[in-house]
Amino acid sequence: MAKIKIKTKSSAKKRFKVTKTGKIFRHRSHVGHNTGFKSSKHMNRLTKEVEVPKELKEHAKKALGLKG
């Protein structure tokens, strides 16, 4: 019998980006609304992508259907 393929979570593939080296990046939160009172320095920092912490990396990999 053939093994069942693991499906990628649609929400995960929209939220995470995987690099060639295996790092998983995500967008920062608090950018969607109420941006009028935040400084441009603060907003610039929020627009950059950051690496997923190692504590949550396994959860992200499982949601993306990646091995290991």
N, C-alpha and C. Protein backbone atom coordinates (compact mmCIF):
# COMPACT_ATOMS: atom_id res chain seq x y z
N MET A 1 0.81 -1.18 0.00
CA MET A 1 0.00 0.00 0.00
C MET A 1 0.86 1.26 0.00
N ALA A 2 0.45 2.25 -0.75
CA ALA A 2 1.21 3.48 -0.84
C ALA A 2 0.95 4.36 0.38
N LYS A 3 1.97 5.10 0.77
CA LYS A 3 1.82 6.02 1.89
C LYS A 3 1.00 7.23 1.45
N ILE A 4 0.30 7.81 2.39
CA ILE A 4 -0.49 9.00 2.12
C ILE A 4 0.43 10.22 2.14
N LYS A 5 0.26 11.09 1.16
CA LYS A 5 1.07 12.31 1.11
C LYS A 5 0.60 13.29 2.18
N ILE A 6 1.56 14.01 2.77
CA ILE A 6 1.24 15.03 3.76
C ILE A 6 0.93 16.31 3.01
N LYS A 7 -0.24 16.87 3.26
CA LYS A 7 -0.63 18.11 2.60
C LYS A 7 -0.03 19.30 3.33
N THR A 8 0.34 20.32 2.56
CA THR A 8 0.81 21.58 3.12
C THR A 8 -0.40 22.39 3.56
N LYS A 9 -0.31 22.96 4.74
CA LYS A 9 -1.37 23.85 5.21
C LYS A 9 -1.37 25.11 4.35
N SER A 10 -2.52 25.47 3.81
CA SER A 10 -2.61 26.64 2.94
C SER A 10 -2.23 27.92 3.67
N SER A 11 -2.61 28.00 4.95
CA SER A 11 -2.27 29.20 5.73
C SER A 11 -0.77 29.31 5.93
N ALA A 12 -0.08 28.18 6.08
CA ALA A 12 1.36 28.20 6.32
C ALA A 12 2.13 28.62 5.08
N LYS A 13 1.71 28.15 3.92
CA LYS A 13 2.46 28.52 2.72
C LYS A 13 2.31 30.00 2.38
N LYS A 14 1.25 30.63 2.89
CA LYS A 14 1.08 32.07 2.69
C LYS A 14 1.89 32.87 3.71
N ARG A 15 2.18 32.30 4.87
CA ARG A 15 2.81 33.04 5.96
C ARG A 15 4.32 32.86 6.06
N PHE A 16 4.85 31.74 5.56
CA PHE A 16 6.27 31.45 5.72
C PHE A 16 6.97 31.37 4.38
N LYS A 17 8.28 31.66 4.41
CA LYS A 17 9.12 31.54 3.23
C LYS A 17 10.35 30.72 3.63
N VAL A 18 10.68 29.70 2.85
CA VAL A 18 11.81 28.82 3.15
C VAL A 18 12.95 29.15 2.19
N THR A 19 14.15 29.33 2.75
CA THR A 19 15.31 29.63 1.94
C THR A 19 15.96 28.33 1.48
N LYS A 20 16.95 28.44 0.60
CA LYS A 20 17.66 27.26 0.10
C LYS A 20 18.44 26.56 1.22
N THR A 21 18.88 27.33 2.21
CA THR A 21 19.65 26.74 3.30
C THR A 21 18.76 26.12 4.37
N GLY A 22 17.43 26.27 4.23
CA GLY A 22 16.51 25.65 5.17
C GLY A 22 15.98 26.56 6.26
N LYS A 23 16.36 27.83 6.20
CA LYS A 23 15.82 28.78 7.19
C LYS A 23 14.38 29.12 6.82
N ILE A 24 13.56 29.35 7.85
CA ILE A 24 12.16 29.70 7.64
C ILE A 24 11.96 31.12 8.13
N PHE A 25 11.44 31.99 7.25
CA PHE A 25 11.22 33.39 7.59
C PHE A 25 9.74 33.69 7.68
N ARG A 26 9.40 34.69 8.50
CA ARG A 26 8.02 35.13 8.68
C ARG A 26 8.01 36.65 8.69
N HIS A 27 6.80 37.21 8.49
CA HIS A 27 6.62 38.66 8.60
C HIS A 27 6.36 39.02 10.05
N ARG A 28 6.69 40.24 10.42
CA ARG A 28 6.41 40.73 11.76
C ARG A 28 4.95 41.13 11.88
N SER A 29 4.45 41.14 13.09
CA SER A 29 3.06 41.51 13.33
C SER A 29 2.94 43.02 13.59
N HIS A 30 1.72 43.50 13.78
CA HIS A 30 1.39 44.89 14.11
C HIS A 30 1.64 45.86 12.95
N VAL A 31 1.48 45.41 11.72
CA VAL A 31 1.67 46.27 10.56
C VAL A 31 0.34 46.55 9.85
N GLY A 32 -0.69 45.78 10.16
CA GLY A 32 -1.93 45.84 9.40
C GLY A 32 -2.73 47.11 9.53
N HIS A 33 -2.83 47.66 10.71
CA HIS A 33 -3.65 48.85 10.91
C HIS A 33 -3.10 49.63 12.11
N ASN A 34 -3.70 50.79 12.38
CA ASN A 34 -3.25 51.71 13.44
C ASN A 34 -1.78 52.09 13.26
N THR A 35 -1.40 52.39 12.03
CA THR A 35 -0.01 52.72 11.74
C THR A 35 0.26 54.21 11.77
N GLY A 36 -0.78 55.02 11.97
CA GLY A 36 -0.61 56.47 11.92
C GLY A 36 0.24 57.02 13.04
N PHE A 37 0.18 56.43 14.21
CA PHE A 37 0.95 56.96 15.34
C PHE A 37 2.32 56.30 15.49
N LYS A 38 2.58 55.26 14.70
CA LYS A 38 3.89 54.61 14.78
C LYS A 38 4.89 55.39 13.95
N SER A 39 6.11 55.52 14.47
CA SER A 39 7.13 56.29 13.76
C SER A 39 7.58 55.53 12.52
N SER A 40 8.16 56.26 11.57
CA SER A 40 8.65 55.63 10.34
C SER A 40 9.78 54.66 10.66
N LYS A 41 10.56 54.96 11.69
CA LYS A 41 11.64 54.05 12.12
C LYS A 41 11.05 52.74 12.62
N HIS A 42 9.97 52.83 13.39
CA HIS A 42 9.29 51.65 13.91
C HIS A 42 8.68 50.83 12.77
N MET A 43 8.01 51.52 11.84
CA MET A 43 7.37 50.83 10.72
C MET A 43 8.40 50.16 9.82
N ASN A 44 9.54 50.81 9.62
CA ASN A 44 10.59 50.23 8.79
C ASN A 44 11.11 48.94 9.42
N ARG A 45 11.22 48.93 10.74
CA ARG A 45 11.68 47.73 11.43
C ARG A 45 10.65 46.60 11.30
N LEU A 46 9.39 46.95 11.31
CA LEU A 46 8.33 45.94 11.25
C LEU A 46 8.17 45.32 9.86
N THR A 47 8.61 46.02 8.82
CA THR A 47 8.42 45.50 7.47
C THR A 47 9.42 44.40 7.12
N LYS A 48 10.51 44.30 7.86
CA LYS A 48 11.52 43.31 7.56
C LYS A 48 11.10 41.92 8.03
N GLU A 49 11.52 40.91 7.28
CA GLU A 49 11.22 39.53 7.67
C GLU A 49 12.24 39.06 8.69
N VAL A 50 11.79 38.19 9.59
CA VAL A 50 12.68 37.63 10.61
C VAL A 50 12.60 36.11 10.57
N GLU A 51 13.65 35.48 11.05
CA GLU A 51 13.69 34.02 11.06
C GLU A 51 12.80 33.48 12.18
N VAL A 52 12.15 32.37 11.90
CA VAL A 52 11.31 31.72 12.91
C VAL A 52 12.23 31.17 14.00
N PRO A 53 11.91 31.38 15.29
CA PRO A 53 12.77 30.87 16.35
C PRO A 53 12.81 29.35 16.37
N LYS A 54 13.90 28.81 16.91
CA LYS A 54 14.09 27.36 16.87
C LYS A 54 13.01 26.60 17.64
N GLU A 55 12.39 27.27 18.63
CA GLU A 55 11.33 26.61 19.40
C GLU A 55 10.11 26.33 18.54
N LEU A 56 9.86 27.17 17.53
CA LEU A 56 8.67 27.04 16.69
C LEU A 56 8.98 26.49 15.31
N LYS A 57 10.25 26.23 15.04
CA LYS A 57 10.66 25.78 13.70
C LYS A 57 10.04 24.44 13.33
N GLU A 58 9.96 23.52 14.29
CA GLU A 58 9.39 22.20 14.02
C GLU A 58 7.90 22.30 13.68
N HIS A 59 7.17 23.19 14.36
CA HIS A 59 5.75 23.38 14.07
C HIS A 59 5.57 23.93 12.65
N ALA A 60 6.42 24.88 12.29
CA ALA A 60 6.33 25.49 10.95
C ALA A 60 6.67 24.47 9.88
N LYS A 61 7.69 23.64 10.11
CA LYS A 61 8.06 22.62 9.16
C LYS A 61 6.94 21.61 8.95
N LYS A 62 6.30 21.22 10.03
CA LYS A 62 5.20 20.26 9.93
C LYS A 62 4.04 20.85 9.15
N ALA A 63 3.73 22.13 9.39
CA ALA A 63 2.64 22.78 8.67
C ALA A 63 2.95 22.94 7.20
N LEU A 64 4.24 23.11 6.87
CA LEU A 64 4.65 23.26 5.49
C LEU A 64 4.85 21.93 4.77
N GLY A 65 4.78 20.83 5.53
CA GLY A 65 4.94 19.51 4.95
C GLY A 65 6.39 19.18 4.64
N LEU A 66 7.33 19.76 5.38
CA LEU A 66 8.75 19.50 5.18
C LEU A 66 9.22 18.38 6.09
N LYS A 67 10.27 17.70 5.67
CA LYS A 67 10.83 16.62 6.48
C LYS A 67 11.73 17.19 7.56
N GLY A 68 11.90 16.42 8.63
CA GLY A 68 12.84 16.74 9.69
C GLY A 68 12.41 17.85 10.53
